Amino acid sequence: MKKKLRILVADDYEHNRNMLEVALRSFGYEVATAPNGEEAINAMRNERYDFVMTDFRMPKRNGLEVARFVKTHFPTTKVIMMSADYCEKTMIKAAGVDKFFEKPFSLKEIKKFIEEESEEEKEPFCGMEWDK
């Protein structure tokens, strides 16, 4: 049985957090939320997540700080950043962000990215690879 993906959503706007939580749960994921970067980092100290979705601009630690923390302590966790503000792409990449979505974004695109990034590599049959 495939494990449920765990996603942490960090956004200071309650409406955005709630909308993402409902949508991601409807896609079959486990979801936790945090209202700012500091609480997101604290949540990650206690729980493990497959993905962290963070807003760029938040109080008490911004999205770049969250991304750096994730990539320093949990390098296999994927970081999705979202923002309505202009964000310098080199700065986002340097923080370790795996995907950036400009607000407003498509929930279908977020789901597609999560599914693509979480696909498990198929094991070769009996340890052997078949010729194509």
N, C-alpha and C. Protein backbone atom coordinates (compact mmCIF):
# COMPACT_ATOMS: atom_id res chain seq x y z
N MET A 1 0.84 -1.19 0.00
CA MET A 1 0.00 0.00 0.00
C MET A 1 0.88 1.25 0.00
N LYS A 2 0.57 2.16 -0.86
CA LYS A 2 1.34 3.39 -0.99
C LYS A 2 1.05 4.32 0.19
N LYS A 3 2.11 4.89 0.77
CA LYS A 3 1.90 5.79 1.91
C LYS A 3 1.35 7.13 1.44
N LYS A 4 0.56 7.74 2.32
CA LYS A 4 0.02 9.06 2.02
C LYS A 4 1.13 10.08 2.12
N LEU A 5 1.21 10.94 1.14
CA LEU A 5 2.20 12.02 1.19
C LEU A 5 1.80 13.02 2.26
N ARG A 6 2.80 13.53 2.96
CA ARG A 6 2.57 14.52 4.01
C ARG A 6 3.06 15.87 3.52
N ILE A 7 2.19 16.87 3.61
CA ILE A 7 2.51 18.21 3.10
C ILE A 7 2.27 19.24 4.20
N LEU A 8 3.24 20.12 4.38
CA LEU A 8 3.11 21.25 5.30
C LEU A 8 2.89 22.50 4.47
N VAL A 9 1.83 23.24 4.79
CA VAL A 9 1.50 24.49 4.09
C VAL A 9 1.74 25.65 5.06
N ALA A 10 2.63 26.58 4.67
CA ALA A 10 2.91 27.76 5.48
C ALA A 10 2.50 29.01 4.71
N ASP A 11 1.52 29.71 5.24
CA ASP A 11 1.04 30.96 4.61
C ASP A 11 0.41 31.80 5.71
N ASP A 12 0.72 33.09 5.72
CA ASP A 12 0.18 33.95 6.76
C ASP A 12 -1.27 34.35 6.52
N TYR A 13 -1.80 34.12 5.33
CA TYR A 13 -3.21 34.41 5.06
C TYR A 13 -4.04 33.17 5.31
N GLU A 14 -4.90 33.26 6.31
CA GLU A 14 -5.71 32.11 6.71
C GLU A 14 -6.53 31.54 5.56
N HIS A 15 -7.09 32.41 4.74
CA HIS A 15 -7.90 31.94 3.60
C HIS A 15 -7.06 31.06 2.67
N ASN A 16 -5.85 31.48 2.37
CA ASN A 16 -4.96 30.70 1.50
C ASN A 16 -4.63 29.35 2.12
N ARG A 17 -4.29 29.37 3.42
CA ARG A 17 -3.98 28.12 4.12
C ARG A 17 -5.15 27.15 4.06
N ASN A 18 -6.34 27.67 4.38
CA ASN A 18 -7.53 26.81 4.41
C ASN A 18 -7.85 26.26 3.02
N MET A 19 -7.76 27.10 2.00
CA MET A 19 -8.04 26.66 0.64
C MET A 19 -7.08 25.56 0.21
N LEU A 20 -5.80 25.76 0.48
CA LEU A 20 -4.81 24.74 0.13
C LEU A 20 -5.00 23.47 0.94
N GLU A 21 -5.31 23.60 2.20
CA GLU A 21 -5.53 22.42 3.04
C GLU A 21 -6.70 21.58 2.49
N VAL A 22 -7.80 22.22 2.20
CA VAL A 22 -8.98 21.51 1.68
C VAL A 22 -8.65 20.85 0.33
N ALA A 23 -8.03 21.60 -0.56
CA ALA A 23 -7.70 21.06 -1.89
C ALA A 23 -6.73 19.89 -1.80
N LEU A 24 -5.67 20.05 -1.03
CA LEU A 24 -4.67 18.99 -0.92
C LEU A 24 -5.23 17.74 -0.25
N ARG A 25 -6.08 17.92 0.75
CA ARG A 25 -6.75 16.77 1.38
C ARG A 25 -7.65 16.06 0.36
N SER A 26 -8.33 16.85 -0.47
CA SER A 26 -9.22 16.23 -1.48
C SER A 26 -8.41 15.43 -2.50
N PHE A 27 -7.13 15.76 -2.67
CA PHE A 27 -6.25 15.00 -3.57
C PHE A 27 -5.71 13.74 -2.88
N GLY A 28 -6.00 13.59 -1.58
CA GLY A 28 -5.57 12.39 -0.85
C GLY A 28 -4.30 12.54 -0.03
N TYR A 29 -3.85 13.77 0.19
CA TYR A 29 -2.63 14.00 0.96
C TYR A 29 -2.96 14.32 2.42
N GLU A 30 -2.01 14.02 3.31
CA GLU A 30 -2.10 14.48 4.70
C GLU A 30 -1.56 15.90 4.73
N VAL A 31 -2.25 16.80 5.42
CA VAL A 31 -1.86 18.21 5.39
C VAL A 31 -1.80 18.78 6.80
N ALA A 32 -0.74 19.53 7.06
CA ALA A 32 -0.61 20.33 8.28
C ALA A 32 -0.40 21.77 7.82
N THR A 33 -0.74 22.73 8.67
CA THR A 33 -0.59 24.14 8.28
C THR A 33 0.16 24.91 9.37
N ALA A 34 0.74 26.02 8.92
CA ALA A 34 1.44 26.94 9.82
C ALA A 34 1.17 28.37 9.35
N PRO A 35 0.90 29.31 10.28
CA PRO A 35 0.58 30.68 9.90
C PRO A 35 1.78 31.59 9.64
N ASN A 36 2.99 31.07 9.85
CA ASN A 36 4.19 31.88 9.59
C ASN A 36 5.40 30.95 9.48
N GLY A 37 6.52 31.51 9.08
CA GLY A 37 7.71 30.71 8.88
C GLY A 37 8.26 30.08 10.14
N GLU A 38 8.18 30.80 11.25
CA GLU A 38 8.69 30.27 12.51
C GLU A 38 7.91 29.02 12.94
N GLU A 39 6.59 29.07 12.82
CA GLU A 39 5.79 27.90 13.19
C GLU A 39 5.99 26.75 12.21
N ALA A 40 6.25 27.06 10.96
CA ALA A 40 6.54 26.01 9.98
C ALA A 40 7.83 25.29 10.36
N ILE A 41 8.85 26.04 10.71
CA ILE A 41 10.13 25.44 11.12
C ILE A 41 9.94 24.61 12.38
N ASN A 42 9.18 25.11 13.34
CA ASN A 42 8.92 24.35 14.56
C ASN A 42 8.16 23.05 14.25
N ALA A 43 7.22 23.10 13.33
CA ALA A 43 6.47 21.90 12.94
C ALA A 43 7.40 20.85 12.35
N MET A 44 8.37 21.31 11.55
CA MET A 44 9.31 20.38 10.92
C MET A 44 10.29 19.77 11.93
N ARG A 45 10.46 20.42 13.05
CA ARG A 45 11.32 19.84 14.09
C ARG A 45 10.65 18.64 14.76
N ASN A 46 9.32 18.59 14.66
CA ASN A 46 8.55 17.54 15.32
C ASN A 46 8.00 16.48 14.38
N GLU A 47 7.81 16.82 13.13
CA GLU A 47 7.21 15.91 12.16
C GLU A 47 8.02 15.92 10.88
N ARG A 48 7.87 14.89 10.08
CA ARG A 48 8.53 14.82 8.77
C ARG A 48 7.49 15.00 7.68
N TYR A 49 7.87 15.75 6.66
CA TYR A 49 6.97 16.04 5.54
C TYR A 49 7.67 15.69 4.23
N ASP A 50 6.87 15.28 3.26
CA ASP A 50 7.41 14.99 1.93
C ASP A 50 7.55 16.27 1.12
N PHE A 51 6.62 17.22 1.36
CA PHE A 51 6.62 18.51 0.67
C PHE A 51 6.34 19.61 1.67
N VAL A 52 6.95 20.76 1.43
CA VAL A 52 6.64 21.97 2.20
C VAL A 52 6.26 23.03 1.18
N MET A 53 5.04 23.56 1.33
CA MET A 53 4.58 24.67 0.49
C MET A 53 4.64 25.92 1.35
N THR A 54 5.40 26.89 0.90
CA THR A 54 5.56 28.10 1.71
C THR A 54 5.34 29.36 0.89
N ASP A 55 4.69 30.31 1.51
CA ASP A 55 4.54 31.63 0.92
C ASP A 55 5.91 32.31 0.99
N PHE A 56 6.16 33.21 0.08
CA PHE A 56 7.43 33.93 0.07
C PHE A 56 7.50 34.94 1.21
N ARG A 57 6.48 35.77 1.32
CA ARG A 57 6.48 36.86 2.31
C ARG A 57 5.58 36.48 3.48
N MET A 58 6.20 36.27 4.64
CA MET A 58 5.48 35.94 5.87
C MET A 58 6.19 36.58 7.06
N PRO A 59 5.45 36.79 8.14
CA PRO A 59 6.10 37.28 9.36
C PRO A 59 6.86 36.15 10.05
N LYS A 60 7.72 36.52 10.95
CA LYS A 60 8.46 35.56 11.77
C LYS A 60 9.15 34.49 10.92
N ARG A 61 9.92 34.87 10.00
CA ARG A 61 10.69 34.05 9.07
C ARG A 61 9.95 33.93 7.75
N ASN A 62 10.62 34.32 6.70
CA ASN A 62 9.99 34.29 5.37
C ASN A 62 10.19 32.94 4.69
N GLY A 63 9.66 32.83 3.50
CA GLY A 63 9.72 31.58 2.77
C GLY A 63 11.14 31.13 2.41
N LEU A 64 12.03 32.09 2.17
CA LEU A 64 13.41 31.72 1.88
C LEU A 64 14.08 31.07 3.09
N GLU A 65 13.79 31.61 4.27
CA GLU A 65 14.35 31.02 5.49
C GLU A 65 13.78 29.61 5.72
N VAL A 66 12.50 29.44 5.44
CA VAL A 66 11.89 28.12 5.56
C VAL A 66 12.55 27.15 4.59
N ALA A 67 12.72 27.58 3.34
CA ALA A 67 13.35 26.72 2.32
C ALA A 67 14.77 26.33 2.73
N ARG A 68 15.54 27.28 3.21
CA ARG A 68 16.92 26.98 3.62
C ARG A 68 16.94 25.96 4.77
N PHE A 69 16.01 26.13 5.73
CA PHE A 69 15.93 25.19 6.85
C PHE A 69 15.61 23.79 6.34
N VAL A 70 14.63 23.70 5.46
CA VAL A 70 14.24 22.40 4.92
C VAL A 70 15.42 21.74 4.23
N LYS A 71 16.07 22.44 3.33
CA LYS A 71 17.15 21.85 2.54
C LYS A 71 18.39 21.54 3.38
N THR A 72 18.59 22.25 4.47
CA THR A 72 19.71 21.97 5.37
C THR A 72 19.45 20.72 6.20
N HIS A 73 18.24 20.58 6.71
CA HIS A 73 17.92 19.50 7.64
C HIS A 73 17.21 18.31 7.01
N PHE A 74 16.50 18.53 5.91
CA PHE A 74 15.73 17.47 5.26
C PHE A 74 15.89 17.59 3.74
N PRO A 75 17.07 17.32 3.23
CA PRO A 75 17.36 17.60 1.81
C PRO A 75 16.47 16.88 0.81
N THR A 76 15.83 15.78 1.20
CA THR A 76 14.96 15.08 0.24
C THR A 76 13.54 15.64 0.21
N THR A 77 13.21 16.50 1.17
CA THR A 77 11.89 17.13 1.18
C THR A 77 11.83 18.18 0.07
N LYS A 78 10.77 18.14 -0.70
CA LYS A 78 10.60 19.09 -1.80
C LYS A 78 9.97 20.38 -1.26
N VAL A 79 10.48 21.51 -1.75
CA VAL A 79 9.97 22.82 -1.33
C VAL A 79 9.27 23.49 -2.51
N ILE A 80 8.03 23.87 -2.27
CA ILE A 80 7.24 24.62 -3.25
C ILE A 80 7.04 26.01 -2.67
N MET A 81 7.44 27.04 -3.41
CA MET A 81 7.23 28.41 -2.95
C MET A 81 6.17 29.06 -3.80
N MET A 82 5.36 29.89 -3.15
CA MET A 82 4.30 30.61 -3.86
C MET A 82 4.31 32.06 -3.42
N SER A 83 3.99 32.95 -4.36
CA SER A 83 3.98 34.37 -4.02
C SER A 83 3.23 35.17 -5.06
N ALA A 84 2.63 36.25 -4.60
CA ALA A 84 2.02 37.22 -5.49
C ALA A 84 3.02 38.33 -5.81
N ASP A 85 4.13 38.35 -5.07
CA ASP A 85 5.16 39.37 -5.24
C ASP A 85 6.19 38.92 -6.28
N TYR A 86 6.87 39.89 -6.84
CA TYR A 86 8.00 39.58 -7.71
C TYR A 86 9.08 38.92 -6.86
N CYS A 87 9.63 37.83 -7.35
CA CYS A 87 10.70 37.14 -6.64
C CYS A 87 11.87 36.90 -7.58
N GLU A 88 13.03 37.24 -7.14
CA GLU A 88 14.24 37.02 -7.93
C GLU A 88 14.52 35.52 -8.01
N LYS A 89 14.52 34.99 -9.22
CA LYS A 89 14.66 33.53 -9.41
C LYS A 89 15.98 32.99 -8.89
N THR A 90 17.06 33.73 -9.03
CA THR A 90 18.35 33.23 -8.55
C THR A 90 18.34 33.10 -7.02
N MET A 91 17.67 34.02 -6.35
CA MET A 91 17.57 33.98 -4.90
C MET A 91 16.74 32.76 -4.46
N ILE A 92 15.69 32.47 -5.18
CA ILE A 92 14.82 31.33 -4.85
C ILE A 92 15.57 30.02 -5.08
N LYS A 93 16.26 29.92 -6.20
CA LYS A 93 17.03 28.70 -6.49
C LYS A 93 18.13 28.50 -5.45
N ALA A 94 18.79 29.56 -5.07
CA ALA A 94 19.87 29.46 -4.09
C ALA A 94 19.37 28.96 -2.74
N ALA A 95 18.11 29.24 -2.42
CA ALA A 95 17.53 28.78 -1.16
C ALA A 95 17.13 27.31 -1.23
N GLY A 96 17.17 26.72 -2.43
CA GLY A 96 16.84 25.30 -2.57
C GLY A 96 15.40 25.01 -2.95
N VAL A 97 14.68 26.03 -3.38
CA VAL A 97 13.28 25.83 -3.77
C VAL A 97 13.21 24.95 -5.02
N ASP A 98 12.34 23.95 -4.96
CA ASP A 98 12.20 23.02 -6.08
C ASP A 98 11.23 23.51 -7.14
N LYS A 99 10.22 24.29 -6.74
CA LYS A 99 9.23 24.78 -7.70
C LYS A 99 8.65 26.09 -7.18
N PHE A 100 8.46 27.04 -8.07
CA PHE A 100 7.85 28.32 -7.72
C PHE A 100 6.55 28.50 -8.48
N PHE A 101 5.50 28.90 -7.75
CA PHE A 101 4.21 29.20 -8.36
C PHE A 101 3.84 30.64 -8.02
N GLU A 102 3.51 31.39 -9.06
CA GLU A 102 3.06 32.77 -8.87
C GLU A 102 1.57 32.75 -8.58
N LYS A 103 1.17 33.51 -7.55
CA LYS A 103 -0.26 33.63 -7.21
C LYS A 103 -0.92 34.59 -8.18
N PRO A 104 -2.12 34.30 -8.62
CA PRO A 104 -2.88 33.08 -8.39
C PRO A 104 -2.33 31.94 -9.23
N PHE A 105 -2.43 30.74 -8.71
CA PHE A 105 -1.89 29.57 -9.39
C PHE A 105 -2.99 28.53 -9.57
N SER A 106 -2.68 27.54 -10.36
CA SER A 106 -3.62 26.46 -10.64
C SER A 106 -3.37 25.31 -9.67
N LEU A 107 -4.42 24.86 -9.00
CA LEU A 107 -4.29 23.71 -8.11
C LEU A 107 -3.94 22.45 -8.89
N LYS A 108 -4.39 22.39 -10.14
CA LYS A 108 -4.05 21.24 -10.98
C LYS A 108 -2.55 21.18 -11.23
N GLU A 109 -1.92 22.35 -11.43
CA GLU A 109 -0.47 22.39 -11.65
C GLU A 109 0.30 21.97 -10.40
N ILE A 110 -0.20 22.37 -9.24
CA ILE A 110 0.45 21.96 -7.99
C ILE A 110 0.32 20.45 -7.82
N LYS A 111 -0.87 19.93 -8.05
CA LYS A 111 -1.08 18.48 -7.94
C LYS A 111 -0.16 17.73 -8.92
N LYS A 112 -0.08 18.22 -10.15
CA LYS A 112 0.77 17.60 -11.16
C LYS A 112 2.23 17.56 -10.70
N PHE A 113 2.72 18.69 -10.18
CA PHE A 113 4.10 18.74 -9.70
C PHE A 113 4.32 17.74 -8.56
N ILE A 114 3.42 17.71 -7.60
CA ILE A 114 3.56 16.79 -6.47
C ILE A 114 3.56 15.34 -6.95
N GLU A 115 2.66 15.02 -7.85
CA GLU A 115 2.60 13.65 -8.36
C GLU A 115 3.87 13.27 -9.12
N GLU A 116 4.35 14.17 -9.95
CA GLU A 116 5.57 13.88 -10.72
C GLU A 116 6.78 13.71 -9.80
N GLU A 117 6.88 14.55 -8.79
CA GLU A 117 8.03 14.51 -7.89
C GLU A 117 7.98 13.34 -6.92
N SER A 118 6.80 12.79 -6.69
CA SER A 118 6.68 11.72 -5.70
C SER A 118 6.59 10.34 -6.32
N GLU A 119 6.65 10.25 -7.64
CA GLU A 119 6.61 8.94 -8.28
C GLU A 119 7.82 8.13 -7.84
N GLU A 120 7.55 6.92 -7.46
CA GLU A 120 8.64 6.03 -7.05
C GLU A 120 9.22 5.39 -8.29
N GLU A 121 10.54 5.24 -8.29
CA GLU A 121 11.18 4.56 -9.42
C GLU A 121 10.72 3.11 -9.41
N LYS A 122 10.38 2.62 -10.57
CA LYS A 122 9.93 1.24 -10.69
C LYS A 122 11.14 0.32 -10.59
N GLU A 123 10.98 -0.73 -9.80
CA GLU A 123 12.04 -1.72 -9.64
C GLU A 123 12.11 -2.58 -10.89
N PRO A 124 13.30 -2.90 -11.36
CA PRO A 124 13.40 -3.82 -12.50
C PRO A 124 12.86 -5.19 -12.11
N PHE A 125 12.24 -5.87 -13.04
CA PHE A 125 11.68 -7.19 -12.81
C PHE A 125 12.79 -8.16 -12.46
N CYS A 126 12.69 -8.82 -11.31
CA CYS A 126 13.69 -9.80 -10.84
C CYS A 126 15.10 -9.23 -10.83
N GLY A 127 15.24 -7.95 -10.62
CA GLY A 127 16.55 -7.34 -10.55
C GLY A 127 17.22 -7.15 -11.90
N MET A 128 16.49 -7.43 -12.98
CA MET A 128 17.07 -7.29 -14.32
C MET A 128 16.28 -6.26 -15.10
N GLU A 129 16.95 -5.50 -15.91
CA GLU A 129 16.25 -4.55 -16.77
C GLU A 129 15.98 -5.20 -18.12
N TRP A 130 14.83 -4.97 -18.66
CA TRP A 130 14.45 -5.50 -19.95
C TRP A 130 14.95 -4.59 -21.05
N ASP A 131 15.31 -5.17 -22.17
CA ASP A 131 15.67 -4.37 -23.35
C ASP A 131 14.45 -3.62 -23.83
N LYS A 132 14.67 -2.43 -24.33
CA LYS A 132 13.53 -1.62 -24.82
C LYS A 132 13.19 -1.98 -26.24
